[in-house]
């Protein structure tokens, strides 16, 4: 059974995007629930920023190793 690394990378990218969106909406929920004075909003946004940086590194690494490519046509 061969695992295609490009497919695994694309699934990881989709999962990371979903986790980023979930973290963003949880921060919005905590902002409304805590009336802007809670630490949970800051924690959720910190998680979102960390996930975004990791996603960027994952995209750059995938492009460098040729697992993902550009769809640009001249």
Protein backbone atom coordinates (compact mmCIF):
# COMPACT_ATOMS: atom_id res chain seq x y z
CA UNK A 1 0.00 0.00 0.00
CA UNK A 2 1.60 3.22 -1.18
CA UNK A 3 0.78 6.50 0.49
CA UNK A 4 0.83 9.47 -1.87
CA UNK A 5 2.53 12.31 0.01
CA UNK A 6 0.86 14.96 -2.13
CA UNK A 7 -2.59 13.73 -1.08
CA UNK A 8 -1.54 13.59 2.58
CA UNK A 9 -0.20 17.14 2.34
CA UNK A 10 -3.41 18.43 0.75
CA UNK A 11 -5.50 16.77 3.46
CA UNK A 12 -3.25 18.32 6.14
CA UNK A 13 -3.69 21.74 4.52
CA UNK A 14 -7.48 21.39 4.49
CA UNK A 15 -7.50 20.25 8.13
CA UNK A 16 -5.28 23.17 9.13
CA UNK A 17 -7.60 25.62 7.36
CA UNK A 18 -10.61 24.13 9.14
CA UNK A 19 -8.86 24.38 12.51
CA UNK A 20 -7.95 28.02 11.80
CA UNK A 21 -11.56 28.89 10.97
CA UNK A 22 -12.80 27.02 14.07
CA UNK A 23 -10.31 28.91 16.25
CA UNK A 24 -11.38 32.22 14.73
CA UNK A 25 -15.07 31.56 15.41
CA UNK A 26 -14.35 30.32 18.93
CA UNK A 27 -12.51 33.61 19.59
CA UNK A 28 -15.55 35.48 18.29
CA UNK A 29 -17.81 33.42 20.57
CA UNK A 30 -15.61 34.06 23.62
CA UNK A 31 -15.40 37.77 22.76
CA UNK A 32 -19.19 38.02 22.91
CA UNK A 33 -19.62 35.75 25.91
CA UNK A 34 -16.88 37.31 28.07
CA UNK A 35 -17.75 40.87 27.00
CA UNK A 36 -14.19 41.42 25.77
CA UNK A 37 -12.53 40.90 29.15
CA UNK A 38 -11.65 37.22 28.94
CA UNK A 39 -8.36 35.51 28.43
CA UNK A 40 -10.04 32.82 26.31
CA UNK A 41 -10.34 35.21 23.35
CA UNK A 42 -6.62 35.94 23.45
CA UNK A 43 -5.81 32.23 23.74
CA UNK A 44 -8.03 31.34 20.77
CA UNK A 45 -6.47 34.07 18.63
CA UNK A 46 -2.97 32.95 19.67
CA UNK A 47 -3.83 29.43 18.57
CA UNK A 48 -5.12 30.81 15.26
CA UNK A 49 -1.91 32.75 14.65
CA UNK A 50 0.22 29.71 15.51
CA UNK A 51 -1.81 27.51 13.17
CA UNK A 52 -1.52 30.11 10.41
CA UNK A 53 2.27 30.22 10.75
CA UNK A 54 2.45 26.42 10.71
CA UNK A 55 0.21 26.32 7.63
CA UNK A 56 2.44 28.83 5.87
CA UNK A 57 5.51 26.73 6.69
CA UNK A 58 3.70 23.61 5.46
CA UNK A 59 2.82 25.31 2.18
CA UNK A 60 6.38 26.55 1.63
CA UNK A 61 7.81 23.11 2.43
CA UNK A 62 5.35 21.37 0.12
CA UNK A 63 6.18 23.76 -2.71
CA UNK A 64 9.93 23.38 -2.12
CA UNK A 65 9.76 19.59 -2.33
CA UNK A 66 7.44 19.67 -5.33
CA UNK A 67 4.43 18.15 -3.60
CA UNK A 68 2.27 21.13 -4.52
CA UNK A 69 2.71 23.39 -7.49
CA UNK A 70 1.55 26.47 -9.22
CA UNK A 71 -1.39 26.41 -11.64
CA UNK A 72 -0.25 29.55 -13.47
CA UNK A 73 -0.55 29.45 -17.25
CA UNK A 74 1.18 32.11 -19.36
